[in-house]
Amino acid sequence: MGCNGCSSKVTLALNRISGVSNVKVSLSDAEATVQYDESMTSIGQLKVAVEEIGYSVDAVYAEQE
């Protein structure tokens, strides 16, 4: 991701998924932090949403609250 447009595209794609409650995209770190309800979606679905708009997902780190 290299521009604010890229950040917006990723944010929109992730926010369209049921169960996603918060998305923060960092251009400088080239990463997105997503809060979501595990009973409504999965990491796999989040990854597919990003890949479908033309971006790659290199690594996924999960934290449970």
N, C-alpha and C. Protein backbone atom coordinates (compact mmCIF):
# COMPACT_ATOMS: atom_id res chain seq x y z
N MET A 1 0.85 -1.17 0.00
CA MET A 1 0.00 0.00 0.00
C MET A 1 0.89 1.23 0.00
N GLY A 2 0.57 2.14 -0.90
CA GLY A 2 1.43 3.29 -0.99
C GLY A 2 0.74 4.64 -0.92
N CYS A 3 -0.58 4.66 -0.82
CA CYS A 3 -1.25 5.96 -0.82
C CYS A 3 -2.53 5.90 0.02
N ASN A 4 -3.11 7.08 0.26
CA ASN A 4 -4.34 7.12 1.04
C ASN A 4 -5.48 6.41 0.33
N GLY A 5 -5.48 6.42 -1.00
CA GLY A 5 -6.50 5.69 -1.74
C GLY A 5 -6.44 4.20 -1.47
N CYS A 6 -5.21 3.68 -1.40
CA CYS A 6 -5.01 2.25 -1.09
C CYS A 6 -5.55 1.94 0.30
N SER A 7 -5.22 2.80 1.23
CA SER A 7 -5.68 2.63 2.61
C SER A 7 -7.20 2.62 2.67
N SER A 8 -7.82 3.53 1.95
CA SER A 8 -9.28 3.60 1.93
C SER A 8 -9.91 2.36 1.32
N LYS A 9 -9.31 1.85 0.25
CA LYS A 9 -9.84 0.64 -0.39
C LYS A 9 -9.79 -0.55 0.56
N VAL A 10 -8.68 -0.71 1.28
CA VAL A 10 -8.55 -1.82 2.22
C VAL A 10 -9.54 -1.64 3.37
N THR A 11 -9.64 -0.44 3.89
CA THR A 11 -10.57 -0.17 4.99
C THR A 11 -12.01 -0.48 4.57
N LEU A 12 -12.42 -0.02 3.40
CA LEU A 12 -13.78 -0.28 2.92
C LEU A 12 -14.04 -1.77 2.73
N ALA A 13 -13.09 -2.47 2.13
CA ALA A 13 -13.26 -3.90 1.89
C ALA A 13 -13.44 -4.66 3.20
N LEU A 14 -12.64 -4.33 4.19
CA LEU A 14 -12.73 -5.03 5.47
C LEU A 14 -13.99 -4.64 6.25
N ASN A 15 -14.37 -3.37 6.19
CA ASN A 15 -15.57 -2.92 6.91
C ASN A 15 -16.85 -3.49 6.33
N ARG A 16 -16.82 -3.97 5.10
CA ARG A 16 -18.02 -4.57 4.48
C ARG A 16 -18.31 -5.97 5.03
N ILE A 17 -17.38 -6.55 5.73
CA ILE A 17 -17.55 -7.91 6.24
C ILE A 17 -18.34 -7.88 7.54
N SER A 18 -19.38 -8.69 7.61
CA SER A 18 -20.17 -8.79 8.83
C SER A 18 -19.29 -9.25 9.98
N GLY A 19 -19.40 -8.57 11.10
CA GLY A 19 -18.63 -8.92 12.27
C GLY A 19 -17.41 -8.05 12.49
N VAL A 20 -17.00 -7.29 11.48
CA VAL A 20 -15.86 -6.39 11.63
C VAL A 20 -16.34 -5.13 12.35
N SER A 21 -15.67 -4.79 13.45
CA SER A 21 -16.08 -3.63 14.23
C SER A 21 -15.12 -2.45 14.14
N ASN A 22 -13.87 -2.70 13.76
CA ASN A 22 -12.89 -1.62 13.69
C ASN A 22 -11.75 -2.01 12.76
N VAL A 23 -11.34 -1.06 11.92
CA VAL A 23 -10.21 -1.28 11.01
C VAL A 23 -9.30 -0.07 11.09
N LYS A 24 -8.01 -0.31 11.30
CA LYS A 24 -7.01 0.75 11.27
C LYS A 24 -5.92 0.32 10.30
N VAL A 25 -5.68 1.14 9.29
CA VAL A 25 -4.66 0.83 8.29
C VAL A 25 -3.50 1.80 8.47
N SER A 26 -2.29 1.27 8.54
CA SER A 26 -1.08 2.07 8.66
C SER A 26 -0.31 1.99 7.34
N LEU A 27 -0.24 3.11 6.63
CA LEU A 27 0.52 3.14 5.38
C LEU A 27 2.01 2.96 5.65
N SER A 28 2.52 3.61 6.69
CA SER A 28 3.96 3.54 6.97
C SER A 28 4.41 2.13 7.33
N ASP A 29 3.55 1.38 7.99
CA ASP A 29 3.89 0.01 8.37
C ASP A 29 3.37 -1.02 7.36
N ALA A 30 2.56 -0.57 6.41
CA ALA A 30 1.93 -1.44 5.41
C ALA A 30 1.19 -2.59 6.09
N GLU A 31 0.35 -2.22 7.08
CA GLU A 31 -0.41 -3.24 7.79
C GLU A 31 -1.78 -2.71 8.19
N ALA A 32 -2.66 -3.65 8.46
CA ALA A 32 -4.00 -3.32 8.92
C ALA A 32 -4.25 -4.06 10.23
N THR A 33 -4.89 -3.38 11.16
CA THR A 33 -5.32 -3.99 12.41
C THR A 33 -6.84 -4.04 12.36
N VAL A 34 -7.38 -5.23 12.60
CA VAL A 34 -8.82 -5.43 12.46
C VAL A 34 -9.38 -6.06 13.73
N GLN A 35 -10.44 -5.45 14.26
CA GLN A 35 -11.18 -6.05 15.37
C GLN A 35 -12.44 -6.65 14.77
N TYR A 36 -12.72 -7.89 15.15
CA TYR A 36 -13.89 -8.56 14.57
C TYR A 36 -14.42 -9.61 15.53
N ASP A 37 -15.65 -10.00 15.30
CA ASP A 37 -16.33 -11.02 16.08
C ASP A 37 -16.05 -12.37 15.42
N GLU A 38 -15.32 -13.23 16.12
CA GLU A 38 -14.94 -14.54 15.57
C GLU A 38 -16.13 -15.44 15.27
N SER A 39 -17.27 -15.16 15.88
CA SER A 39 -18.44 -15.98 15.60
C SER A 39 -19.12 -15.57 14.29
N MET A 40 -18.69 -14.42 13.72
CA MET A 40 -19.32 -13.93 12.50
C MET A 40 -18.41 -13.97 11.28
N THR A 41 -17.10 -13.98 11.47
CA THR A 41 -16.16 -14.01 10.35
C THR A 41 -14.86 -14.67 10.81
N SER A 42 -13.93 -14.81 9.89
CA SER A 42 -12.67 -15.47 10.21
C SER A 42 -11.49 -14.72 9.59
N ILE A 43 -10.31 -15.05 10.04
CA ILE A 43 -9.10 -14.47 9.46
C ILE A 43 -9.05 -14.78 7.97
N GLY A 44 -9.45 -15.98 7.60
CA GLY A 44 -9.45 -16.37 6.19
C GLY A 44 -10.33 -15.46 5.35
N GLN A 45 -11.51 -15.11 5.86
CA GLN A 45 -12.41 -14.23 5.12
C GLN A 45 -11.82 -12.82 5.01
N LEU A 46 -11.15 -12.36 6.05
CA LEU A 46 -10.51 -11.05 6.01
C LEU A 46 -9.41 -11.04 4.95
N LYS A 47 -8.63 -12.10 4.93
CA LYS A 47 -7.53 -12.23 3.96
C LYS A 47 -8.07 -12.22 2.53
N VAL A 48 -9.12 -12.97 2.28
CA VAL A 48 -9.71 -13.04 0.94
C VAL A 48 -10.21 -11.66 0.51
N ALA A 49 -10.83 -10.92 1.42
CA ALA A 49 -11.34 -9.59 1.09
C ALA A 49 -10.23 -8.66 0.62
N VAL A 50 -9.08 -8.73 1.27
CA VAL A 50 -7.93 -7.90 0.90
C VAL A 50 -7.36 -8.36 -0.44
N GLU A 51 -7.25 -9.65 -0.62
CA GLU A 51 -6.69 -10.19 -1.87
C GLU A 51 -7.60 -9.92 -3.06
N GLU A 52 -8.91 -9.91 -2.84
CA GLU A 52 -9.86 -9.67 -3.93
C GLU A 52 -9.76 -8.25 -4.50
N ILE A 53 -9.22 -7.32 -3.73
CA ILE A 53 -9.07 -5.95 -4.24
C ILE A 53 -7.64 -5.70 -4.73
N GLY A 54 -6.85 -6.77 -4.83
CA GLY A 54 -5.55 -6.67 -5.47
C GLY A 54 -4.33 -6.52 -4.58
N TYR A 55 -4.49 -6.73 -3.30
CA TYR A 55 -3.36 -6.63 -2.38
C TYR A 55 -3.01 -8.00 -1.83
N SER A 56 -1.77 -8.16 -1.41
CA SER A 56 -1.35 -9.45 -0.84
C SER A 56 -1.34 -9.36 0.68
N VAL A 57 -1.50 -10.50 1.30
CA VAL A 57 -1.42 -10.61 2.75
C VAL A 57 -0.20 -11.47 3.04
N ASP A 58 0.84 -10.86 3.58
CA ASP A 58 2.09 -11.57 3.81
C ASP A 58 2.13 -12.32 5.13
N ALA A 59 1.48 -11.78 6.15
CA ALA A 59 1.51 -12.42 7.47
C ALA A 59 0.24 -12.03 8.22
N VAL A 60 -0.17 -12.91 9.11
CA VAL A 60 -1.35 -12.65 9.94
C VAL A 60 -0.96 -12.94 11.38
N TYR A 61 -1.24 -11.99 12.24
CA TYR A 61 -0.99 -12.16 13.67
C TYR A 61 -2.32 -12.00 14.38
N ALA A 62 -2.66 -12.94 15.22
CA ALA A 62 -3.94 -12.89 15.91
C ALA A 62 -3.74 -12.70 17.41
N GLU A 63 -4.55 -11.82 17.96
CA GLU A 63 -4.58 -11.61 19.41
C GLU A 63 -6.03 -11.73 19.85
N GLN A 64 -6.24 -12.39 20.95
CA GLN A 64 -7.59 -12.47 21.48
C GLN A 64 -7.69 -11.58 22.69
N GLU A 65 -8.84 -10.92 22.81
CA GLU A 65 -9.06 -10.03 23.95
C GLU A 65 -9.91 -10.70 24.99
